[in-house]
Amino acid sequence: MSATHVPSTLGVLLAGGLARRMGGGDKPMRTIGGRTILERVIARLSPQCSGLILNANGDPARFAGFGLQVVADDVPGFPGPLAGILAALDWTAANRPETEWVLSAAGDCPFLPRDLVARLHDARARENAQLAVAASGEQSHPVIGLWRVALRDELRHALVVEDLRKIDRWTARYPLATVTWPNEPLDPFFNANTVEDIAEAERLAALDERAAQAASGTDQAS
């Protein structure tokens, strides 16, 4: 699927987690290689999406410098990423009614693929699926996926009435496409969960920068 055939897709960066393993705070605000993780996520997804919003709870002013609309969960009790996805679907329906698709991505994944949206849509269309999620190696990453806005009422029922919390339990109800990326030389879905992960992310950021420079040189030579 070429970029011209990718449907208009709004990206939501999920930053509503409590970051307990880092002692609290906002994981996406941690710095890697002189840039916040959130800056890196925005840089990866902005060219792929028709717009970006941020799902976060608490005072939205702390994200003011990023210029993104901040959308909070409206399901109480921090029920997890499904609530953030629902908030994004509801916001899209109200503010971008022409947009049928939302891409969700974890706000603490600094190395997301540059072909994420295109490949997810391609697999979804080929497999006639309702949803699409990313994977790398042998691991699925259900928090990184494509969601049809029209399913928002069904998702709200699952969250509020059924008290469903796990993403893969909800996606199992629908035809689902899974797209796998290689996890070498680095896993594009690496996420910074702990203080130790930040040190590893510094190493990976340098590796990623070298790979990007090499690819740029190849493109110029061809």
Protein backbone atom coordinates (compact mmCIF):
# COMPACT_ATOMS: atom_id res chain seq x y z
CA MET A 1 0.00 0.00 0.00
CA SER A 2 1.53 3.31 -1.03
CA ALA A 3 1.40 6.36 1.20
CA THR A 4 -1.24 7.92 -1.06
CA HIS A 5 -3.64 5.05 -0.28
CA VAL A 6 -3.23 5.13 3.49
CA PRO A 7 -6.53 6.35 4.98
CA SER A 8 -6.48 9.47 7.11
CA THR A 9 -5.34 8.26 10.51
CA LEU A 10 -5.17 10.19 13.77
CA GLY A 11 -2.37 9.18 16.12
CA VAL A 12 -2.83 9.00 19.88
CA LEU A 13 0.22 8.83 22.12
CA LEU A 14 -0.68 6.95 25.29
CA ALA A 15 0.98 8.60 28.28
CA GLY A 16 -1.58 7.85 30.95
CA GLY A 17 0.45 5.24 32.85
CA LEU A 18 1.59 5.72 36.42
CA ALA A 19 5.29 4.80 35.79
CA ARG A 20 5.53 2.96 39.11
CA ARG A 21 8.74 1.19 38.06
CA MET A 22 10.41 4.58 37.61
CA GLY A 23 9.19 5.91 40.91
CA GLY A 24 6.26 7.78 39.36
CA GLY A 25 6.19 10.69 36.96
CA ASP A 26 5.82 10.80 33.20
CA LYS A 27 7.99 8.26 31.41
CA PRO A 28 7.72 10.07 28.05
CA MET A 29 9.35 13.13 29.63
CA ARG A 30 12.57 11.26 30.37
CA THR A 31 15.50 12.30 28.19
CA ILE A 32 17.43 10.09 25.77
CA GLY A 33 20.32 11.49 23.78
CA GLY A 34 19.35 15.06 24.62
CA ARG A 35 15.70 14.70 23.54
CA THR A 36 12.68 13.60 25.53
CA ILE A 37 11.19 10.24 24.64
CA LEU A 38 7.97 12.06 23.73
CA GLU A 39 9.82 14.28 21.26
CA ARG A 40 11.18 11.17 19.60
CA VAL A 41 7.75 9.54 19.41
CA ILE A 42 6.23 12.68 17.90
CA ALA A 43 9.02 12.88 15.32
CA ARG A 44 8.41 9.27 14.28
CA LEU A 45 4.63 9.49 14.01
CA SER A 46 3.96 13.04 12.75
CA PRO A 47 4.84 12.22 9.12
CA GLN A 48 2.63 9.13 9.22
CA CYS A 49 -0.55 10.56 10.75
CA SER A 50 -3.06 13.24 9.82
CA GLY A 51 -2.66 14.66 13.34
CA LEU A 52 -1.54 13.67 16.83
CA ILE A 53 -3.18 13.90 20.24
CA LEU A 54 -1.87 12.91 23.63
CA ASN A 55 -3.75 10.76 26.13
CA ALA A 56 -2.71 11.71 29.65
CA ASN A 57 -4.35 12.19 33.02
CA GLY A 58 -3.69 14.93 35.56
CA ASP A 59 -2.68 18.50 34.77
CA PRO A 60 -2.34 18.84 30.97
CA ALA A 61 -0.17 21.95 31.36
CA ARG A 62 2.92 19.82 31.87
CA PHE A 63 2.73 18.87 28.18
CA ALA A 64 2.07 22.40 26.92
CA GLY A 65 5.44 22.65 25.21
CA PHE A 66 4.60 19.88 22.74
CA GLY A 67 1.65 21.63 21.12
CA LEU A 68 -0.64 18.60 21.23
CA GLN A 69 -4.25 18.36 22.31
CA VAL A 70 -4.30 16.46 25.62
CA VAL A 71 -7.23 14.09 26.10
CA ALA A 72 -7.82 12.46 29.48
CA ASP A 73 -9.52 9.15 30.24
CA ASP A 74 -13.20 9.47 31.04
CA VAL A 75 -13.40 5.98 32.56
CA PRO A 76 -12.35 6.40 36.21
CA GLY A 77 -9.79 4.41 38.13
CA PHE A 78 -6.87 4.26 35.65
CA PRO A 79 -8.23 1.18 33.88
CA GLY A 80 -5.27 1.00 31.50
CA PRO A 81 -4.52 1.69 27.85
CA LEU A 82 -7.96 0.63 26.59
CA ALA A 83 -9.37 3.70 28.35
CA GLY A 84 -6.88 5.89 26.54
CA ILE A 85 -7.79 4.32 23.22
CA LEU A 86 -11.48 4.89 23.96
CA ALA A 87 -10.81 8.54 24.84
CA ALA A 88 -9.03 8.95 21.51
CA LEU A 89 -11.86 7.31 19.55
CA ASP A 90 -14.42 9.55 21.25
CA TRP A 91 -12.31 12.67 20.62
CA THR A 92 -11.89 11.74 16.97
CA ALA A 93 -15.61 11.14 16.49
CA ALA A 94 -16.38 14.56 17.98
CA ASN A 95 -13.58 16.60 16.40
CA ARG A 96 -12.51 14.72 13.26
CA PRO A 97 -15.73 13.04 12.09
CA GLU A 98 -14.24 12.40 8.65
CA THR A 99 -11.49 10.23 10.18
CA GLU A 100 -12.30 6.53 10.49
CA TRP A 101 -9.04 5.28 12.00
CA VAL A 102 -6.91 5.94 15.06
CA LEU A 103 -3.39 4.67 15.58
CA SER A 104 -2.39 4.14 19.20
CA ALA A 105 1.22 4.09 20.31
CA ALA A 106 2.89 3.97 23.69
CA GLY A 107 4.35 7.33 24.61
CA ASP A 108 7.52 5.64 25.88
CA CYS A 109 8.56 3.91 22.62
CA PRO A 110 11.23 6.16 21.10
CA PHE A 111 12.17 4.00 18.09
CA LEU A 112 8.82 3.35 16.40
CA PRO A 113 8.98 2.20 12.76
CA ARG A 114 8.71 4.89 10.11
CA ASP A 115 6.39 2.62 8.11
CA LEU A 116 4.14 1.72 11.06
CA VAL A 117 0.87 3.22 9.82
CA ALA A 118 1.29 2.12 6.20
CA ARG A 119 2.09 -1.49 7.04
CA LEU A 120 -0.72 -1.82 9.58
CA HIS A 121 -3.24 -0.46 7.09
CA ASP A 122 -1.88 -2.69 4.33
CA ALA A 123 -2.27 -5.82 6.46
CA ARG A 124 -5.71 -4.77 7.66
CA ALA A 125 -6.93 -4.22 4.10
CA ARG A 126 -5.41 -7.44 2.72
CA GLU A 127 -6.82 -9.56 5.53
CA ASN A 128 -10.16 -7.71 5.69
CA ALA A 129 -9.55 -7.19 9.41
CA GLN A 130 -11.31 -4.82 11.78
CA LEU A 131 -8.15 -4.08 13.76
CA ALA A 132 -4.39 -4.35 13.32
CA VAL A 133 -1.58 -4.58 15.89
CA ALA A 134 2.19 -4.57 15.78
CA ALA A 135 4.64 -7.30 16.79
CA SER A 136 8.38 -7.84 16.86
CA GLY A 137 10.22 -11.10 17.23
CA GLU A 138 7.84 -13.45 19.00
CA GLN A 139 6.04 -10.73 20.96
CA SER A 140 2.82 -8.93 20.10
CA HIS A 141 2.42 -5.28 21.11
CA PRO A 142 -1.35 -4.77 21.29
CA VAL A 143 -1.04 -1.21 22.64
CA ILE A 144 0.42 -0.25 19.23
CA GLY A 145 -2.32 -0.70 16.69
CA LEU A 146 -5.07 0.58 14.44
CA TRP A 147 -8.58 1.07 15.82
CA ARG A 148 -11.77 1.72 13.90
CA VAL A 149 -13.58 4.74 15.35
CA ALA A 150 -16.92 3.05 14.70
CA LEU A 151 -16.12 0.45 17.39
CA ARG A 152 -16.00 3.01 20.20
CA ASP A 153 -19.44 2.17 21.63
CA GLU A 154 -18.54 -1.53 21.78
CA LEU A 155 -15.26 -0.68 23.49
CA ARG A 156 -17.04 1.53 26.04
CA HIS A 157 -19.45 -1.31 26.85
CA ALA A 158 -16.53 -3.71 27.32
CA LEU A 159 -14.73 -1.29 29.64
CA VAL A 160 -17.63 0.06 31.68
CA VAL A 161 -20.12 -2.80 31.77
CA GLU A 162 -17.86 -5.85 31.46
CA ASP A 163 -14.89 -4.35 33.35
CA LEU A 164 -12.58 -5.68 30.64
CA ARG A 165 -9.01 -4.40 30.95
CA LYS A 166 -6.67 -6.42 28.72
CA ILE A 167 -6.32 -5.21 25.15
CA ASP A 168 -5.79 -8.66 23.66
CA ARG A 169 -9.01 -9.94 25.24
CA TRP A 170 -10.90 -7.21 23.39
CA THR A 171 -9.08 -7.56 20.07
CA ALA A 172 -9.78 -11.32 20.16
CA ARG A 173 -13.43 -10.50 19.47
CA TYR A 174 -12.65 -9.12 16.00
CA PRO A 175 -10.80 -10.11 12.84
CA LEU A 176 -7.27 -8.98 13.69
CA ALA A 177 -4.20 -8.46 11.51
CA THR A 178 -0.78 -8.70 13.15
CA VAL A 179 2.25 -7.16 11.47
CA THR A 180 5.74 -8.21 12.58
CA TRP A 181 8.88 -6.08 12.40
CA PRO A 182 12.42 -7.44 12.87
CA ASN A 183 13.91 -6.82 16.30
CA GLU A 184 17.49 -6.49 15.03
CA PRO A 185 19.62 -4.40 15.10
CA LEU A 186 17.13 -2.91 17.58
CA ASP A 187 13.55 -3.60 18.54
CA PRO A 188 11.44 -0.72 17.16
CA PHE A 189 8.98 -1.27 20.01
CA PHE A 190 11.52 -1.06 22.80
CA ASN A 191 9.95 0.86 25.65
CA ALA A 192 11.54 2.48 28.65
CA ASN A 193 9.88 0.94 31.71
CA THR A 194 12.66 1.18 34.26
CA VAL A 195 15.60 3.40 35.11
CA GLU A 196 17.88 0.70 33.68
CA ASP A 197 15.95 0.85 30.40
CA ILE A 198 16.91 4.51 30.03
CA ALA A 199 20.59 3.56 29.94
CA GLU A 200 19.86 0.90 27.32
CA ALA A 201 17.83 3.43 25.35
CA GLU A 202 20.85 5.75 25.21
CA ARG A 203 22.84 2.96 23.56
CA LEU A 204 20.03 2.14 21.15
CA ALA A 205 19.54 5.80 20.24
CA ALA A 206 23.16 6.01 19.09
CA LEU A 207 22.69 2.79 17.10
CA ASP A 208 19.49 4.10 15.56
CA GLU A 209 21.17 7.36 14.59
CA ARG A 210 23.97 5.51 12.81
CA ALA A 211 21.44 3.33 10.97
CA ALA A 212 19.47 6.41 9.86
CA GLN A 213 22.66 8.07 8.59
CA ALA A 214 23.62 4.95 6.68
CA ALA A 215 20.17 4.72 5.11
CA SER A 216 20.30 8.39 4.13
CA GLY A 217 23.64 7.85 2.45
CA THR A 218 22.27 4.85 0.55
CA ASP A 219 19.25 6.86 -0.64
CA GLN A 220 21.46 9.68 -1.89
CA ALA A 221 23.71 7.27 -3.74
CA SER A 222 20.86 5.49 -5.51
